[in-house]
Amino acid sequence: MTEKKQIIIIGAGPIGIACALECKKRHWDYLIIEKGPLTNSLYNYPKNMTFFSTSERLEIDNIPFISNNPKPNRDEALEYYRRVATSNQLNIHLYEEVLNIKKQDDLFTVKTNKQQYTANKIIIASGFYDIPNLLNVPGEELPKVVHYYKEAHGYAMQNVLVVGASNSSVDAALEIWRKGGNVTMVVRGEQIGERVKYWVRPDILNRIEEGSINAYFNSNIVDIKPEDVTIQTPEGQIIVPNDFVVALTGYQPNFEFLDKAGIQLSNDGLSLPTYNPETMETNVDGLYLAGVICGGMETHKWFIENSRIHAKLIANHLESVNFTA
């Protein structure tokens, strides 16, 4: 059986929720489809993660986000977006994965792992957290290698290699060290990232300077074995004992999904999707992008804070063209 909707929103993150709120205000028949739990990306963030921004900048649709801390944490954000979704009785299907989108004439067909839908308009707000950037080195497939970090307890009293120098890498290195892990960092660049949270960066620099955390800069992993890891450093290759590798080297959108939907991607290595920044409509008429997925491989370009406006841009454009089912 095929279910008909005016608008289907793919992704139940903060921006997908914001898009649904705009649809509800206008009494449009919409549906959010999310392959995981509500706010799937936030749910998979580290348990103790603290946002860079204040709660006011994470608010959607002017709904107050009250936090007990100057910077809200993961649990507070999960609760906020859950309350926004439930109190507004948003129409959301969770744990349902969109497999493909096809357009024929003026109608989209959306196939999921559970059923099929048709829609007049599609909004993709699926983020970029599902596909990790791989190291592409021998041994990366070993079970001791992870690309997502949840909490530090499991790494206590272990030799842990943390790859990267972003916020997530630095947070993981500090937390694991404080839980009694023997932490080594491998950083491709010459220093800890400049965009690391300003209250955290001095902490990691001090831990490295005092020798509590070992760090190899301008270095890369060459090979991962069950009991050690080979690192290429400016001084040559070294082998360090190792129990776990936490490779937090970033993530990327599902470009194959966008390509199959007909969205043009740049061929400059950034895979930037084609869209009108004033309306968020892609080169496919009636297919819109919202949120961090708009940045392609430039995953540091869009955040909740600056992409909240996408929901209103899309809704305003649909109103301007007298959108109706």
C-alpha atoms as a PDB file:
ATOM      1  CA  MET A   1       0.000   0.000   0.000  1.00  0.00           C
ATOM      2  CA  THR A   2       1.307   3.474  -0.922  1.00  0.00           C
ATOM      3  CA  GLU A   3       0.712   6.327   1.505  1.00  0.00           C
ATOM      4  CA  LYS A   4       0.293   9.843   0.071  1.00  0.00           C
ATOM      5  CA  LYS A   5       1.769  12.939   1.733  1.00  0.00           C
ATOM      6  CA  GLN A   6       2.228  16.530   0.674  1.00  0.00           C
ATOM      7  CA  ILE A   7       5.732  16.729   2.145  1.00  0.00           C
ATOM      8  CA  ILE A   8       8.129  14.053   3.352  1.00  0.00           C
ATOM      9  CA  ILE A   9      11.034  15.138   5.556  1.00  0.00           C
ATOM     10  CA  ILE A  10      13.968  12.729   5.756  1.00  0.00           C
ATOM     11  CA  GLY A  11      15.719  12.976   9.115  1.00  0.00           C
ATOM     12  CA  ALA A  12      14.326  13.675  12.606  1.00  0.00           C
ATOM     13  CA  GLY A  13      17.203  15.775  13.872  1.00  0.00           C
ATOM     14  CA  PRO A  14      16.780  19.356  15.113  1.00  0.00           C
ATOM     15  CA  ILE A  15      16.504  20.753  11.567  1.00  0.00           C
ATOM     16  CA  GLY A  16      14.073  18.066  10.424  1.00  0.00           C
ATOM     17  CA  ILE A  17      11.965  18.871  13.479  1.00  0.00           C
ATOM     18  CA  ALA A  18      12.151  22.588  12.617  1.00  0.00           C
ATOM     19  CA  CYS A  19      10.918  21.816   9.090  1.00  0.00           C
ATOM     20  CA  ALA A  20       8.008  19.802  10.504  1.00  0.00           C
ATOM     21  CA  LEU A  21       7.023  22.688  12.773  1.00  0.00           C
ATOM     22  CA  GLU A  22       6.848  25.021   9.771  1.00  0.00           C
ATOM     23  CA  CYS A  23       4.693  22.504   7.914  1.00  0.00           C
ATOM     24  CA  LYS A  24       2.345  22.102  10.862  1.00  0.00           C
ATOM     25  CA  LYS A  25       1.843  25.869  11.159  1.00  0.00           C
ATOM     26  CA  ARG A  26       0.619  25.906   7.574  1.00  0.00           C
ATOM     27  CA  HIS A  27      -1.556  22.815   7.968  1.00  0.00           C
ATOM     28  CA  TRP A  28       0.394  20.879   5.353  1.00  0.00           C
ATOM     29  CA  ASP A  29       0.206  17.099   5.381  1.00  0.00           C
ATOM     30  CA  TYR A  30       3.785  16.110   6.226  1.00  0.00           C
ATOM     31  CA  LEU A  31       5.709  13.134   7.581  1.00  0.00           C
ATOM     32  CA  ILE A  32       9.209  12.837   9.047  1.00  0.00           C
ATOM     33  CA  ILE A  33      10.971   9.549   8.355  1.00  0.00           C
ATOM     34  CA  GLU A  34      13.983   8.710  10.524  1.00  0.00           C
ATOM     35  CA  LYS A  35      16.081   5.559  10.273  1.00  0.00           C
ATOM     36  CA  GLY A  36      17.022   5.594  13.953  1.00  0.00           C
ATOM     37  CA  PRO A  37      15.728   7.142  17.180  1.00  0.00           C
ATOM     38  CA  LEU A  38      14.617  10.736  17.483  1.00  0.00           C
ATOM     39  CA  THR A  39      17.593  13.067  16.927  1.00  0.00           C
ATOM     40  CA  ASN A  40      19.678  10.043  15.967  1.00  0.00           C
ATOM     41  CA  SER A  41      22.973  11.922  15.604  1.00  0.00           C
ATOM     42  CA  LEU A  42      22.668  13.629  18.987  1.00  0.00           C
ATOM     43  CA  TYR A  43      21.713  10.316  20.557  1.00  0.00           C
ATOM     44  CA  ASN A  44      24.980   8.813  19.281  1.00  0.00           C
ATOM     45  CA  TYR A  45      27.122  11.670  20.566  1.00  0.00           C
ATOM     46  CA  PRO A  46      29.407  10.927  23.565  1.00  0.00           C
ATOM     47  CA  LYS A  47      27.417  10.735  26.792  1.00  0.00           C
ATOM     48  CA  ASN A  48      29.273  13.613  28.450  1.00  0.00           C
ATOM     49  CA  MET A  49      29.425  15.917  25.437  1.00  0.00           C
ATOM     50  CA  THR A  50      28.938  19.642  26.032  1.00  0.00           C
ATOM     51  CA  PHE A  51      27.879  21.913  23.172  1.00  0.00           C
ATOM     52  CA  PHE A  52      30.012  24.836  22.078  1.00  0.00           C
ATOM     53  CA  SER A  53      26.961  27.111  21.882  1.00  0.00           C
ATOM     54  CA  THR A  54      24.544  28.380  24.496  1.00  0.00           C
ATOM     55  CA  SER A  55      21.067  26.886  24.692  1.00  0.00           C
ATOM     56  CA  GLU A  56      19.492  29.968  23.073  1.00  0.00           C
ATOM     57  CA  ARG A  57      21.384  29.309  19.851  1.00  0.00           C
ATOM     58  CA  LEU A  58      20.159  25.710  19.756  1.00  0.00           C
ATOM     59  CA  GLU A  59      16.495  26.664  20.064  1.00  0.00           C
ATOM     60  CA  ILE A  60      14.124  26.036  17.168  1.00  0.00           C
ATOM     61  CA  ASP A  61      10.953  27.969  16.356  1.00  0.00           C
ATOM     62  CA  ASN A  62      11.559  30.302  19.331  1.00  0.00           C
ATOM     63  CA  ILE A  63      10.694  27.505  21.768  1.00  0.00           C
ATOM     64  CA  PRO A  64      12.779  28.183  24.924  1.00  0.00           C
ATOM     65  CA  PHE A  65      15.613  25.769  25.698  1.00  0.00           C
ATOM     66  CA  ILE A  66      16.290  25.992  29.433  1.00  0.00           C
ATOM     67  CA  SER A  67      19.637  24.583  30.522  1.00  0.00           C
ATOM     68  CA  ASN A  68      21.151  24.186  33.993  1.00  0.00           C
ATOM     69  CA  ASN A  69      24.571  24.935  32.539  1.00  0.00           C
ATOM     70  CA  PRO A  70      26.121  27.850  30.617  1.00  0.00           C
ATOM     71  CA  LYS A  71      26.646  25.370  27.772  1.00  0.00           C
ATOM     72  CA  PRO A  72      24.005  22.634  27.472  1.00  0.00           C
ATOM     73  CA  ASN A  73      25.023  18.992  27.394  1.00  0.00           C
ATOM     74  CA  ARG A  74      23.876  16.050  25.301  1.00  0.00           C
ATOM     75  CA  ASP A  75      21.190  14.861  27.707  1.00  0.00           C
ATOM     76  CA  GLU A  76      19.657  18.329  27.979  1.00  0.00           C
ATOM     77  CA  ALA A  77      19.543  18.627  24.184  1.00  0.00           C
ATOM     78  CA  LEU A  78      17.925  15.196  23.810  1.00  0.00           C
ATOM     79  CA  GLU A  79      15.265  16.158  26.330  1.00  0.00           C
ATOM     80  CA  TYR A  80      14.648  19.544  24.705  1.00  0.00           C
ATOM     81  CA  TYR A  81      14.147  18.227  21.170  1.00  0.00           C
ATOM     82  CA  ARG A  82      12.067  15.297  22.445  1.00  0.00           C
ATOM     83  CA  ARG A  83       9.735  17.673  24.274  1.00  0.00           C
ATOM     84  CA  VAL A  84       9.465  19.902  21.212  1.00  0.00           C
ATOM     85  CA  ALA A  85       8.493  16.908  19.063  1.00  0.00           C
ATOM     86  CA  THR A  86       6.044  15.354  21.525  1.00  0.00           C
ATOM     87  CA  SER A  87       4.368  18.531  22.784  1.00  0.00           C
ATOM     88  CA  ASN A  88       3.713  19.579  19.188  1.00  0.00           C
ATOM     89  CA  GLN A  89       2.535  16.052  18.293  1.00  0.00           C
ATOM     90  CA  LEU A  90       4.737  15.931  15.226  1.00  0.00           C
ATOM     91  CA  ASN A  91       4.090  13.146  12.725  1.00  0.00           C
ATOM     92  CA  ILE A  92       7.273  11.054  12.853  1.00  0.00           C
ATOM     93  CA  HIS A  93       8.104   7.482  11.826  1.00  0.00           C
ATOM     94  CA  LEU A  94      11.195   6.291  13.716  1.00  0.00           C
ATOM     95  CA  TYR A  95      13.399   3.294  12.892  1.00  0.00           C
ATOM     96  CA  GLU A  96      12.335   3.435   9.262  1.00  0.00           C
ATOM     97  CA  GLU A  97      15.052   3.845   6.637  1.00  0.00           C
ATOM     98  CA  VAL A  98      14.533   5.616   3.309  1.00  0.00           C
ATOM     99  CA  LEU A  99      16.117   3.469   0.616  1.00  0.00           C
ATOM    100  CA  ASN A 100      15.567   5.631  -2.457  1.00  0.00           C
ATOM    101  CA  ILE A 101      13.704   8.587  -3.914  1.00  0.00           C
ATOM    102  CA  LYS A 102      12.443   8.731  -7.489  1.00  0.00           C
ATOM    103  CA  LYS A 103      10.588  11.506  -9.255  1.00  0.00           C
ATOM    104  CA  GLN A 104       8.130  11.004 -12.082  1.00  0.00           C
ATOM    105  CA  ASP A 105       6.362  14.037 -13.482  1.00  0.00           C
ATOM    106  CA  ASP A 106       5.528  16.162 -10.413  1.00  0.00           C
ATOM    107  CA  LEU A 107       5.360  13.350  -7.875  1.00  0.00           C
ATOM    108  CA  PHE A 108       8.071  11.727  -5.761  1.00  0.00           C
ATOM    109  CA  THR A 109       8.043   8.071  -4.806  1.00  0.00           C
ATOM    110  CA  VAL A 110       9.808   7.285  -1.551  1.00  0.00           C
ATOM    111  CA  LYS A 111      10.639   3.686  -0.760  1.00  0.00           C
ATOM    112  CA  THR A 112      11.618   2.672   2.767  1.00  0.00           C
ATOM    113  CA  ASN A 113      12.465  -0.623   4.422  1.00  0.00           C
ATOM    114  CA  LYS A 114       8.835  -0.791   5.611  1.00  0.00           C
ATOM    115  CA  GLN A 115       6.600   0.660   2.904  1.00  0.00           C
ATOM    116  CA  GLN A 116       6.234   3.112   0.002  1.00  0.00           C
ATOM    117  CA  TYR A 117       5.055   6.713  -0.074  1.00  0.00           C
ATOM    118  CA  THR A 118       4.339   9.402  -2.615  1.00  0.00           C
ATOM    119  CA  ALA A 119       4.899  13.093  -1.953  1.00  0.00           C
ATOM    120  CA  ASN A 120       4.674  16.397  -3.773  1.00  0.00           C
ATOM    121  CA  LYS A 121       7.801  17.756  -2.090  1.00  0.00           C
ATOM    122  CA  ILE A 122      10.811  16.239  -0.320  1.00  0.00           C
ATOM    123  CA  ILE A 123      13.100  17.794   2.302  1.00  0.00           C
ATOM    124  CA  ILE A 124      16.355  15.972   3.046  1.00  0.00           C
ATOM    125  CA  ALA A 125      17.678  16.873   6.505  1.00  0.00           C
ATOM    126  CA  SER A 126      19.641  13.713   7.203  1.00  0.00           C
ATOM    127  CA  GLY A 127      22.918  15.217   8.436  1.00  0.00           C
ATOM    128  CA  PHE A 128      26.320  13.569   8.004  1.00  0.00           C
ATOM    129  CA  TYR A 129      27.011  11.473  11.093  1.00  0.00           C
ATOM    130  CA  ASP A 130      26.346   8.008   9.686  1.00  0.00           C
ATOM    131  CA  ILE A 131      29.397   7.400   7.484  1.00  0.00           C
ATOM    132  CA  PRO A 132      32.848   7.754   9.116  1.00  0.00           C
ATOM    133  CA  ASN A 133      35.907   8.877   7.189  1.00  0.00           C
ATOM    134  CA  LEU A 134      38.056   5.760   7.182  1.00  0.00           C
ATOM    135  CA  LEU A 135      41.795   5.594   7.778  1.00  0.00           C
ATOM    136  CA  ASN A 136      42.180   3.086   4.932  1.00  0.00           C
ATOM    137  CA  VAL A 137      45.067   1.266   6.589  1.00  0.00           C
ATOM    138  CA  PRO A 138      45.666  -2.452   7.196  1.00  0.00           C
ATOM    139  CA  GLY A 139      43.977  -3.649  10.369  1.00  0.00           C
ATOM    140  CA  GLU A 140      41.238  -1.023  10.445  1.00  0.00           C
ATOM    141  CA  GLU A 141      38.676  -3.830  10.321  1.00  0.00           C
ATOM    142  CA  LEU A 142      39.866  -5.241  13.669  1.00  0.00           C
ATOM    143  CA  PRO A 143      37.215  -5.171  16.430  1.00  0.00           C
ATOM    144  CA  LYS A 144      39.450  -2.996  18.608  1.00  0.00           C
ATOM    145  CA  VAL A 145      39.070  -0.115  16.117  1.00  0.00           C
ATOM    146  CA  VAL A 146      36.044   2.175  16.579  1.00  0.00           C
ATOM    147  CA  HIS A 147      34.946   5.320  14.725  1.00  0.00           C
ATOM    148  CA  TYR A 148      32.407   6.432  17.324  1.00  0.00           C
ATOM    149  CA  TYR A 149      33.127   7.256  20.955  1.00  0.00           C
ATOM    150  CA  LYS A 150      30.484   6.950  23.688  1.00  0.00           C
ATOM    151  CA  GLU A 151      32.199   6.950  27.091  1.00  0.00           C
ATOM    152  CA  ALA A 152      35.572   6.384  28.727  1.00  0.00           C
ATOM    153  CA  HIS A 153      34.968   3.615  31.266  1.00  0.00           C
ATOM    154  CA  GLY A 154      35.650   0.760  28.851  1.00  0.00           C
ATOM    155  CA  TYR A 155      39.119   2.124  28.125  1.00  0.00           C
ATOM    156  CA  ALA A 156      40.332   2.292  31.741  1.00  0.00           C
ATOM    157  CA  MET A 157      43.785   0.686  32.246  1.00  0.00           C
ATOM    158  CA  GLN A 158      44.163   0.170  28.487  1.00  0.00           C
ATOM    159  CA  ASN A 159      46.591   1.468  25.863  1.00  0.00           C
ATOM    160  CA  VAL A 160      44.375   3.676  23.726  1.00  0.00           C
ATOM    161  CA  LEU A 161      45.302   5.457  20.495  1.00  0.00           C
ATOM    162  CA  VAL A 162      43.087   8.445  19.650  1.00  0.00           C
ATOM    163  CA  VAL A 163      43.277   9.630  16.049  1.00  0.00           C
ATOM    164  CA  GLY A 164      42.507  13.269  15.245  1.00  0.00           C
ATOM    165  CA  ALA A 165      42.684  16.706  16.883  1.00  0.00           C
ATOM    166  CA  SER A 166      39.094  17.943  16.644  1.00  0.00           C
ATOM    167  CA  ASN A 167      36.657  18.531  19.500  1.00  0.00           C
ATOM    168  CA  SER A 168      35.558  14.901  19.560  1.00  0.00           C
ATOM    169  CA  SER A 169      39.132  13.580  19.572  1.00  0.00           C
ATOM    170  CA  VAL A 170      40.268  15.949  22.294  1.00  0.00           C
ATOM    171  CA  ASP A 171      37.235  15.218  24.480  1.00  0.00           C
ATOM    172  CA  ALA A 172      37.800  11.476  24.118  1.00  0.00           C
ATOM    173  CA  ALA A 173      41.528  11.717  24.880  1.00  0.00           C
ATOM    174  CA  LEU A 174      40.959  13.760  28.037  1.00  0.00           C
ATOM    175  CA  GLU A 175      38.095  11.623  29.314  1.00  0.00           C
ATOM    176  CA  ILE A 176      39.938   8.340  28.722  1.00  0.00           C
ATOM    177  CA  TRP A 177      43.083   9.697  30.410  1.00  0.00           C
ATOM    178  CA  ARG A 178      41.059  10.815  33.436  1.00  0.00           C
ATOM    179  CA  LYS A 179      39.536   7.323  33.678  1.00  0.00           C
ATOM    180  CA  GLY A 180      42.995   5.775  33.847  1.00  0.00           C
ATOM    181  CA  GLY A 181      43.666   4.995  30.204  1.00  0.00           C
ATOM    182  CA  ASN A 182      47.165   5.298  28.736  1.00  0.00           C
ATOM    183  CA  VAL A 183      46.419   7.701  25.883  1.00  0.00           C
ATOM    184  CA  THR A 184      48.430   8.366  22.737  1.00  0.00           C
ATOM    185  CA  MET A 185      47.205  10.842  20.130  1.00  0.00           C
ATOM    186  CA  VAL A 186      48.070  10.733  16.430  1.00  0.00           C
ATOM    187  CA  VAL A 187      47.478  14.054  14.681  1.00  0.00           C
ATOM    188  CA  ARG A 188      47.882  14.554  10.944  1.00  0.00           C
ATOM    189  CA  GLY A 189      48.492  18.302  11.345  1.00  0.00           C
ATOM    190  CA  GLU A 190      51.082  20.200  13.292  1.00  0.00           C
ATOM    191  CA  GLN A 191      48.900  21.128  16.262  1.00  0.00           C
ATOM    192  CA  ILE A 192      45.619  20.625  18.099  1.00  0.00           C
ATOM    193  CA  GLY A 193      42.769  22.053  16.020  1.00  0.00           C
ATOM    194  CA  GLU A 194      42.078  25.773  16.326  1.00  0.00           C
ATOM    195  CA  ARG A 195      38.313  25.102  16.457  1.00  0.00           C
ATOM    196  CA  VAL A 196      38.580  22.996  19.620  1.00  0.00           C
ATOM    197  CA  LYS A 197      36.361  24.451  22.362  1.00  0.00           C
ATOM    198  CA  TYR A 198      38.190  27.370  23.965  1.00  0.00           C
ATOM    199  CA  TRP A 199      37.781  26.038  27.506  1.00  0.00           C
ATOM    200  CA  VAL A 200      39.086  22.583  26.505  1.00  0.00           C
ATOM    201  CA  ARG A 201      42.054  23.455  24.284  1.00  0.00           C
ATOM    202  CA  PRO A 202      44.329  24.685  27.125  1.00  0.00           C
ATOM    203  CA  ASP A 203      43.559  21.490  29.037  1.00  0.00           C
ATOM    204  CA  ILE A 204      44.731  19.143  26.265  1.00  0.00           C
ATOM    205  CA  LEU A 205      47.783  21.302  25.532  1.00  0.00           C
ATOM    206  CA  ASN A 206      48.801  21.170  29.178  1.00  0.00           C
ATOM    207  CA  ARG A 207      48.314  17.399  29.375  1.00  0.00           C
ATOM    208  CA  ILE A 208      50.499  16.936  26.302  1.00  0.00           C
ATOM    209  CA  GLU A 209      53.163  19.344  27.555  1.00  0.00           C
ATOM    210  CA  GLU A 210      53.441  17.607  30.920  1.00  0.00           C
ATOM    211  CA  GLY A 211      53.611  14.187  29.250  1.00  0.00           C
ATOM    212  CA  SER A 212      50.357  12.816  30.667  1.00  0.00           C
ATOM    213  CA  ILE A 213      49.115  12.264  27.114  1.00  0.00           C
ATOM    214  CA  ASN A 214      51.547  11.341  24.349  1.00  0.00           C
ATOM    215  CA  ALA A 215      50.965  13.127  21.050  1.00  0.00           C
ATOM    216  CA  TYR A 216      52.577  12.624  17.637  1.00  0.00           C
ATOM    217  CA  PHE A 217      52.004  15.543  15.262  1.00  0.00           C
ATOM    218  CA  ASN A 218      52.449  15.533  11.489  1.00  0.00           C
ATOM    219  CA  SER A 219      51.957  11.787  11.820  1.00  0.00           C
ATOM    220  CA  ASN A 220      49.752   8.992  10.472  1.00  0.00           C
ATOM    221  CA  ILE A 221      48.882   5.417  11.317  1.00  0.00           C
ATOM    222  CA  VAL A 222      50.554   2.961   8.944  1.00  0.00           C
ATOM    223  CA  ASP A 223      49.353  -0.381  10.262  1.00  0.00           C
ATOM    224  CA  ILE A 224      47.117  -1.725  13.027  1.00  0.00           C
ATOM    225  CA  LYS A 225      47.788  -5.117  14.579  1.00  0.00           C
ATOM    226  CA  PRO A 226      46.018  -6.891  17.477  1.00  0.00           C
ATOM    227  CA  GLU A 227      48.655  -5.862  20.029  1.00  0.00           C
ATOM    228  CA  ASP A 228      50.288  -2.734  18.576  1.00  0.00           C
ATOM    229  CA  VAL A 229      50.070   0.088  16.048  1.00  0.00           C
ATOM    230  CA  THR A 230      52.732   1.398  13.642  1.00  0.00           C
ATOM    231  CA  ILE A 231      52.880   5.188  13.333  1.00  0.00           C
ATOM    232  CA  GLN A 232      54.713   7.199  10.692  1.00  0.00           C
ATOM    233  CA  THR A 233      56.235  10.235  12.424  1.00  0.00           C
ATOM    234  CA  PRO A 234      58.592  12.950  11.117  1.00  0.00           C
ATOM    235  CA  GLU A 235      61.416  11.053  12.851  1.00  0.00           C
ATOM    236  CA  GLY A 236      60.487   7.747  11.236  1.00  0.00           C
ATOM    237  CA  GLN A 237      58.230   4.806  12.017  1.00  0.00           C
ATOM    238  CA  ILE A 238      57.548   3.764  15.589  1.00  0.00           C
ATOM    239  CA  ILE A 239      55.540   0.888  17.068  1.00  0.00           C
ATOM    240  CA  VAL A 240      53.445   1.476  20.190  1.00  0.00           C
ATOM    241  CA  PRO A 241      51.596  -1.113  22.317  1.00  0.00           C
ATOM    242  CA  ASN A 242      47.866  -0.840  21.767  1.00  0.00           C
ATOM    243  CA  ASP A 243      44.571  -2.289  22.995  1.00  0.00           C
ATOM    244  CA  PHE A 244      42.100   0.084  21.297  1.00  0.00           C
ATOM    245  CA  VAL A 245      42.103   2.609  18.450  1.00  0.00           C
ATOM    246  CA  VAL A 246      39.520   5.409  18.664  1.00  0.00           C
ATOM    247  CA  ALA A 247      39.599   6.882  15.151  1.00  0.00           C
ATOM    248  CA  LEU A 248      37.601  10.109  15.305  1.00  0.00           C
ATOM    249  CA  THR A 249      38.521  11.369  11.854  1.00  0.00           C
ATOM    250  CA  GLY A 250      35.180  12.914  10.975  1.00  0.00           C
ATOM    251  CA  TYR A 251      32.109  11.858   9.042  1.00  0.00           C
ATOM    252  CA  GLN A 252      30.443  12.518   5.717  1.00  0.00           C
ATOM    253  CA  PRO A 253      26.941  12.641   4.218  1.00  0.00           C
ATOM    254  CA  ASN A 254      25.537   9.744   2.226  1.00  0.00           C
ATOM    255  CA  PHE A 255      26.578  11.085  -1.171  1.00  0.00           C
ATOM    256  CA  GLU A 256      25.388   7.949  -2.965  1.00  0.00           C
ATOM    257  CA  PHE A 257      21.872   8.586  -1.674  1.00  0.00           C
ATOM    258  CA  LEU A 258      21.953  12.218  -2.851  1.00  0.00           C
ATOM    259  CA  ASP A 259      23.338  11.217  -6.241  1.00  0.00           C
ATOM    260  CA  LYS A 260      20.651   8.588  -6.798  1.00  0.00           C
ATOM    261  CA  ALA A 261      18.020  11.195  -5.954  1.00  0.00           C
ATOM    262  CA  GLY A 262      19.356  13.283  -8.856  1.00  0.00           C
ATOM    263  CA  ILE A 263      21.119  15.976  -6.849  1.00  0.00           C
ATOM    264  CA  GLN A 264      24.229  17.299  -8.597  1.00  0.00           C
ATOM    265  CA  LEU A 265      27.437  17.205  -6.535  1.00  0.00           C
ATOM    266  CA  SER A 266      30.564  19.232  -7.187  1.00  0.00           C
ATOM    267  CA  ASN A 267      33.595  17.293  -8.474  1.00  0.00           C
ATOM    268  CA  ASP A 268      36.172  19.364  -6.572  1.00  0.00           C
ATOM    269  CA  GLY A 269      36.599  16.831  -3.779  1.00  0.00           C
ATOM    270  CA  LEU A 270      34.094  18.618  -1.531  1.00  0.00           C
ATOM    271  CA  SER A 271      30.995  17.000  -3.101  1.00  0.00           C
ATOM    272  CA  LEU A 272      28.962  20.146  -2.487  1.00  0.00           C
ATOM    273  CA  PRO A 273      25.299  19.560  -3.382  1.00  0.00           C
ATOM    274  CA  THR A 274      23.620  21.955  -5.768  1.00  0.00           C
ATOM    275  CA  TYR A 275      20.906  24.109  -4.177  1.00  0.00           C
ATOM    276  CA  ASN A 276      19.574  27.662  -4.182  1.00  0.00           C
ATOM    277  CA  PRO A 277      20.699  29.291  -0.903  1.00  0.00           C
ATOM    278  CA  GLU A 278      17.632  31.558  -0.920  1.00  0.00           C
ATOM    279  CA  THR A 279      15.110  28.719  -1.181  1.00  0.00           C
ATOM    280  CA  MET A 280      17.154  25.562  -0.359  1.00  0.00           C
ATOM    281  CA  GLU A 281      15.711  23.896  -3.480  1.00  0.00           C
ATOM    282  CA  THR A 282      18.137  21.616  -5.311  1.00  0.00           C
ATOM    283  CA  ASN A 283      18.523  21.156  -9.058  1.00  0.00           C
ATOM    284  CA  VAL A 284      15.645  18.676  -8.749  1.00  0.00           C
ATOM    285  CA  ASP A 285      12.419  20.690  -8.669  1.00  0.00           C
ATOM    286  CA  GLY A 286      10.564  20.138  -5.426  1.00  0.00           C
ATOM    287  CA  LEU A 287      13.513  18.494  -3.651  1.00  0.00           C
ATOM    288  CA  TYR A 288      15.032  20.573  -0.844  1.00  0.00           C
ATOM    289  CA  LEU A 289      18.036  20.303   1.482  1.00  0.00           C
ATOM    290  CA  ALA A 290      18.178  21.523   5.069  1.00  0.00           C
ATOM    291  CA  GLY A 291      20.830  21.507   7.754  1.00  0.00           C
ATOM    292  CA  VAL A 292      24.409  20.293   7.816  1.00  0.00           C
ATOM    293  CA  ILE A 293      24.018  18.062   4.762  1.00  0.00           C
ATOM    294  CA  CYS A 294      24.225  21.232   2.649  1.00  0.00           C
ATOM    295  CA  GLY A 295      27.973  21.478   3.290  1.00  0.00           C
ATOM    296  CA  GLY A 296      29.090  18.291   1.558  1.00  0.00           C
ATOM    297  CA  MET A 297      32.544  17.381   2.883  1.00  0.00           C
ATOM    298  CA  GLU A 298      32.753  20.807   4.548  1.00  0.00           C
ATOM    299  CA  THR A 299      31.136  19.386   7.662  1.00  0.00           C
ATOM    300  CA  HIS A 300      32.299  22.331   9.784  1.00  0.00           C
ATOM    301  CA  LYS A 301      30.289  24.825   7.713  1.00  0.00           C
ATOM    302  CA  TRP A 302      26.747  24.212   8.916  1.00  0.00           C
ATOM    303  CA  PHE A 303      25.521  23.585  12.467  1.00  0.00           C
ATOM    304  CA  ILE A 304      22.177  23.660  14.259  1.00  0.00           C
ATOM    305  CA  GLU A 305      22.855  27.278  15.141  1.00  0.00           C
ATOM    306  CA  ASN A 306      23.186  28.643  11.607  1.00  0.00           C
ATOM    307  CA  SER A 307      21.005  26.183   9.682  1.00  0.00           C
ATOM    308  CA  ARG A 308      17.821  26.616  11.744  1.00  0.00           C
ATOM    309  CA  ILE A 309      16.786  29.239   9.208  1.00  0.00           C
ATOM    310  CA  HIS A 310      16.614  26.632   6.428  1.00  0.00           C
ATOM    311  CA  ALA A 311      13.179  25.479   7.616  1.00  0.00           C
ATOM    312  CA  LYS A 312      11.677  28.932   7.191  1.00  0.00           C
ATOM    313  CA  LEU A 313      13.407  29.492   3.841  1.00  0.00           C
ATOM    314  CA  ILE A 314      11.861  26.295   2.490  1.00  0.00           C
ATOM    315  CA  ALA A 315       8.393  27.002   3.893  1.00  0.00           C
ATOM    316  CA  ASN A 316       8.437  30.586   2.601  1.00  0.00           C
ATOM    317  CA  HIS A 317       9.391  29.390  -0.861  1.00  0.00           C
ATOM    318  CA  LEU A 318       6.624  26.801  -0.918  1.00  0.00           C
ATOM    319  CA  GLU A 319       4.139  29.494   0.091  1.00  0.00           C
ATOM    320  CA  SER A 320       5.420  31.839  -2.623  1.00  0.00           C
ATOM    321  CA  VAL A 321       4.727  29.261  -5.332  1.00  0.00           C
ATOM    322  CA  ASN A 322       1.248  28.587  -3.877  1.00  0.00           C
ATOM    323  CA  PHE A 323       2.147  25.062  -2.879  1.00  0.00           C
ATOM    324  CA  THR A 324      -0.837  22.751  -2.499  1.00  0.00           C
ATOM    325  CA  ALA A 325      -1.337  19.017  -2.831  1.00  0.00           C
END
